[in-house]
Protein backbone atom coordinates (compact mmCIF):
# COMPACT_ATOMS: atom_id res chain seq x y z
CA MET A 1 -83.92 -106.71 -64.00
CA ALA A 2 -84.08 -103.07 -62.85
CA THR A 3 -84.69 -102.24 -59.22
CA LYS A 4 -88.27 -101.31 -58.57
CA ILE A 5 -88.54 -97.82 -57.12
CA THR A 6 -91.78 -96.71 -55.56
CA PRO A 7 -93.15 -93.30 -56.60
CA GLN A 8 -92.77 -92.07 -53.00
CA GLN A 9 -89.02 -92.73 -53.01
CA ASP A 10 -88.57 -91.40 -56.53
CA THR A 11 -90.47 -88.19 -55.80
CA GLY A 12 -88.68 -87.51 -52.53
CA TRP A 13 -85.22 -87.94 -53.98
CA GLY A 14 -86.17 -85.94 -57.08
CA ILE A 15 -87.33 -82.99 -55.00
CA ILE A 16 -84.25 -83.12 -52.78
CA TYR A 17 -82.02 -83.22 -55.87
CA ARG A 18 -83.79 -80.21 -57.47
CA LEU A 19 -83.76 -78.24 -54.20
CA ASN A 20 -80.07 -78.96 -53.70
CA GLY A 21 -79.31 -77.59 -57.17
CA LEU A 22 -81.44 -74.49 -56.65
CA PHE A 23 -79.89 -73.77 -53.26
CA ALA A 24 -76.41 -74.17 -54.78
CA GLU A 25 -77.32 -71.38 -57.19
CA VAL A 26 -78.72 -69.26 -54.35
CA GLU A 27 -75.38 -69.61 -52.53
CA GLU A 28 -73.69 -67.88 -55.48
CA LEU A 29 -76.34 -65.25 -56.24
CA ALA A 30 -76.84 -63.88 -52.73
CA PRO A 31 -73.24 -62.80 -52.03
CA SER A 32 -72.77 -61.46 -55.56
CA GLY A 33 -75.61 -58.96 -55.05
CA LYS A 34 -77.81 -60.34 -57.83
CA TYR A 35 -80.94 -59.76 -55.79
CA ASP A 36 -83.53 -60.16 -58.55
CA GLU A 37 -82.03 -63.47 -59.62
CA TRP A 38 -81.78 -64.55 -55.97
CA ASN A 39 -85.48 -63.84 -55.51
CA ILE A 40 -86.40 -65.77 -58.67
CA LYS A 41 -84.43 -68.80 -57.42
CA LEU A 42 -86.22 -68.56 -54.07
CA ASP A 43 -89.54 -68.61 -55.94
CA ARG A 44 -88.40 -71.72 -57.85
CA ILE A 45 -87.61 -73.36 -54.51
CA TRP A 46 -91.06 -72.32 -53.27
CA SER A 47 -92.75 -73.93 -56.26
CA ASN A 48 -90.98 -77.19 -55.47
CA LEU A 49 -92.10 -77.07 -51.82
CA ILE A 50 -95.75 -76.02 -52.26
CA TYR A 51 -96.83 -78.66 -54.78
CA ARG A 52 -98.78 -80.63 -52.17
CA GLU A 53 -101.00 -77.72 -51.17
CA LYS A 54 -104.59 -77.80 -52.33
CA MET A 55 -105.69 -75.36 -55.00
CA GLU A 56 -108.96 -73.48 -55.12
CA ILE A 57 -110.43 -73.64 -58.61
CA ASN A 58 -113.39 -71.32 -59.12
CA LYS A 59 -115.69 -72.05 -62.04
CA ASP A 60 -118.76 -70.35 -63.40
CA SER A 61 -122.10 -72.15 -63.86
CA SER A 62 -120.96 -73.43 -67.28
CA GLY A 63 -117.83 -75.02 -65.84
CA ASN A 64 -115.41 -72.43 -67.23
CA ILE A 65 -112.46 -71.75 -64.97
CA LEU A 66 -112.54 -68.23 -63.56
CA SER A 67 -109.52 -68.40 -61.27
CA ILE A 68 -107.03 -70.75 -59.70
CA LYS A 69 -105.20 -69.99 -56.49
CA LEU A 70 -103.32 -71.78 -53.77
CA SER A 71 -105.11 -71.96 -50.46
CA SER A 72 -102.89 -71.95 -47.43
CA GLU A 73 -101.50 -69.96 -44.53
CA ASP A 74 -98.13 -70.47 -46.23
CA ILE A 75 -99.34 -68.43 -49.21
CA ASP A 76 -100.13 -65.50 -46.92
CA GLU A 77 -96.66 -65.73 -45.37
CA LYS A 78 -94.97 -65.78 -48.78
CA ASP A 79 -97.09 -62.87 -50.01
CA PHE A 80 -96.02 -60.88 -46.93
CA LEU A 81 -92.35 -61.65 -47.60
CA ASP A 82 -92.71 -60.70 -51.26
CA ARG A 83 -94.33 -57.38 -50.28
CA GLN A 84 -91.36 -56.63 -48.01
CA ILE A 85 -89.02 -57.27 -50.93
CA LEU A 86 -91.05 -54.96 -53.21
CA ILE A 87 -91.09 -52.21 -50.58
CA ALA A 88 -87.30 -52.37 -50.24
CA LYS A 89 -86.84 -52.36 -54.04
CA SER A 90 -89.10 -49.33 -54.30
CA LYS A 91 -87.04 -47.50 -51.66
CA MET A 92 -83.85 -48.31 -53.59
CA SER A 93 -85.37 -46.99 -56.82
CA LYS A 94 -86.51 -43.75 -55.16
CA ALA A 95 -83.09 -43.26 -53.57
CA LEU A 96 -81.37 -43.73 -56.95
CA LYS A 97 -83.60 -41.09 -58.55
CA LYS A 98 -82.38 -38.57 -55.97
CA ILE A 99 -78.75 -39.04 -57.01
CA PRO A 100 -77.79 -36.61 -59.80
CA PRO A 101 -76.91 -38.41 -63.09
CA GLU A 102 -73.56 -36.62 -63.28
CA SER A 103 -72.58 -37.82 -59.81
CA GLU A 104 -69.53 -40.08 -59.62
CA ASN A 105 -70.84 -41.67 -56.44
CA LYS A 106 -73.93 -43.72 -57.35
CA SER A 107 -74.81 -44.49 -53.76
CA SER A 108 -76.22 -42.49 -50.94
CA THR A 109 -76.95 -43.31 -47.35
CA GLU A 110 -80.62 -43.70 -48.25
CA TYR A 111 -79.77 -46.07 -51.12
CA VAL A 112 -77.37 -48.15 -49.00
CA LEU A 113 -79.96 -48.50 -46.24
CA ALA A 114 -82.63 -49.56 -48.76
CA LYS A 115 -80.23 -52.09 -50.27
CA LYS A 116 -79.54 -53.52 -46.80
CA GLU A 117 -83.29 -53.72 -46.24
CA LEU A 118 -83.70 -55.64 -49.50
CA TYR A 119 -80.90 -58.03 -48.55
CA LYS A 120 -82.51 -58.65 -45.17
CA ALA A 121 -85.95 -59.27 -46.74
CA LEU A 122 -84.46 -61.80 -49.18
CA LEU A 123 -82.48 -63.46 -46.42
CA ILE A 124 -85.60 -63.85 -44.28
CA LYS A 125 -87.45 -65.33 -47.27
CA GLU A 126 -84.61 -67.81 -47.77
CA ILE A 127 -84.54 -68.80 -44.10
CA TRP A 128 -88.34 -69.19 -44.14
CA LEU A 129 -88.04 -71.55 -47.13
CA ARG A 130 -85.32 -73.57 -45.41
CA LYS A 131 -87.54 -73.91 -42.33
CA PHE A 132 -90.41 -74.98 -44.58
CA MET A 133 -88.13 -77.60 -46.15
CA HIS A 134 -87.21 -78.88 -42.70
CA TYR A 135 -90.89 -79.03 -41.72
CA LEU A 136 -91.59 -81.14 -44.82
CA GLY A 137 -88.74 -83.50 -43.95
CA LEU A 138 -86.68 -82.51 -46.99
CA TYR A 139 -83.68 -81.25 -45.04
CA LEU A 140 -80.84 -83.27 -43.63
CA LYS A 141 -81.62 -84.70 -40.21
CA GLU A 142 -79.71 -83.04 -37.40
CA ILE A 143 -78.03 -85.55 -35.13
CA GLU A 144 -76.51 -84.66 -31.81
CA TYR A 145 -73.06 -86.16 -31.44
CA ASN A 146 -72.66 -88.05 -28.19
CA PRO A 147 -69.29 -89.81 -27.78
CA ALA A 148 -70.66 -91.85 -24.87
CA GLY A 149 -73.31 -93.36 -27.13
CA SER A 150 -70.88 -94.34 -29.91
CA MET A 151 -70.35 -97.77 -28.45
CA TRP A 152 -74.10 -98.44 -28.65
CA GLY A 153 -74.59 -97.04 -32.14
CA LYS A 154 -76.37 -93.91 -30.97
């Protein structure tokens, strides 16, 4: 007979497994400079973390759905982070347009600074998601090592 698994256990382990896989991909994308892909993976992580949030479904008098949106302070925070990413990407694009097409050097100080700004915005978004994971109890528990307590199983 198969072991009975409650939905709570199954869901928790399933989310942790998916998040672990997504973060493994993030660990490769971030250092390789694939910023758009990094951002998409962060959004996939977000969708796995936000599933419990209530949704506002607006309907007309006939019951037709007019709009669906998430309702939470967390949504405002994510929207802010996404705006910072778009601002940095826009600065990079503008800096690239200033570089002559015939130029051997495809970077300028302005472009490099905008790229650093984009990296920082993505990094902050990633850290924010990791903190959100910790808040939800989906991160490994931190345990302080105390050699004196070893004898007592602490």
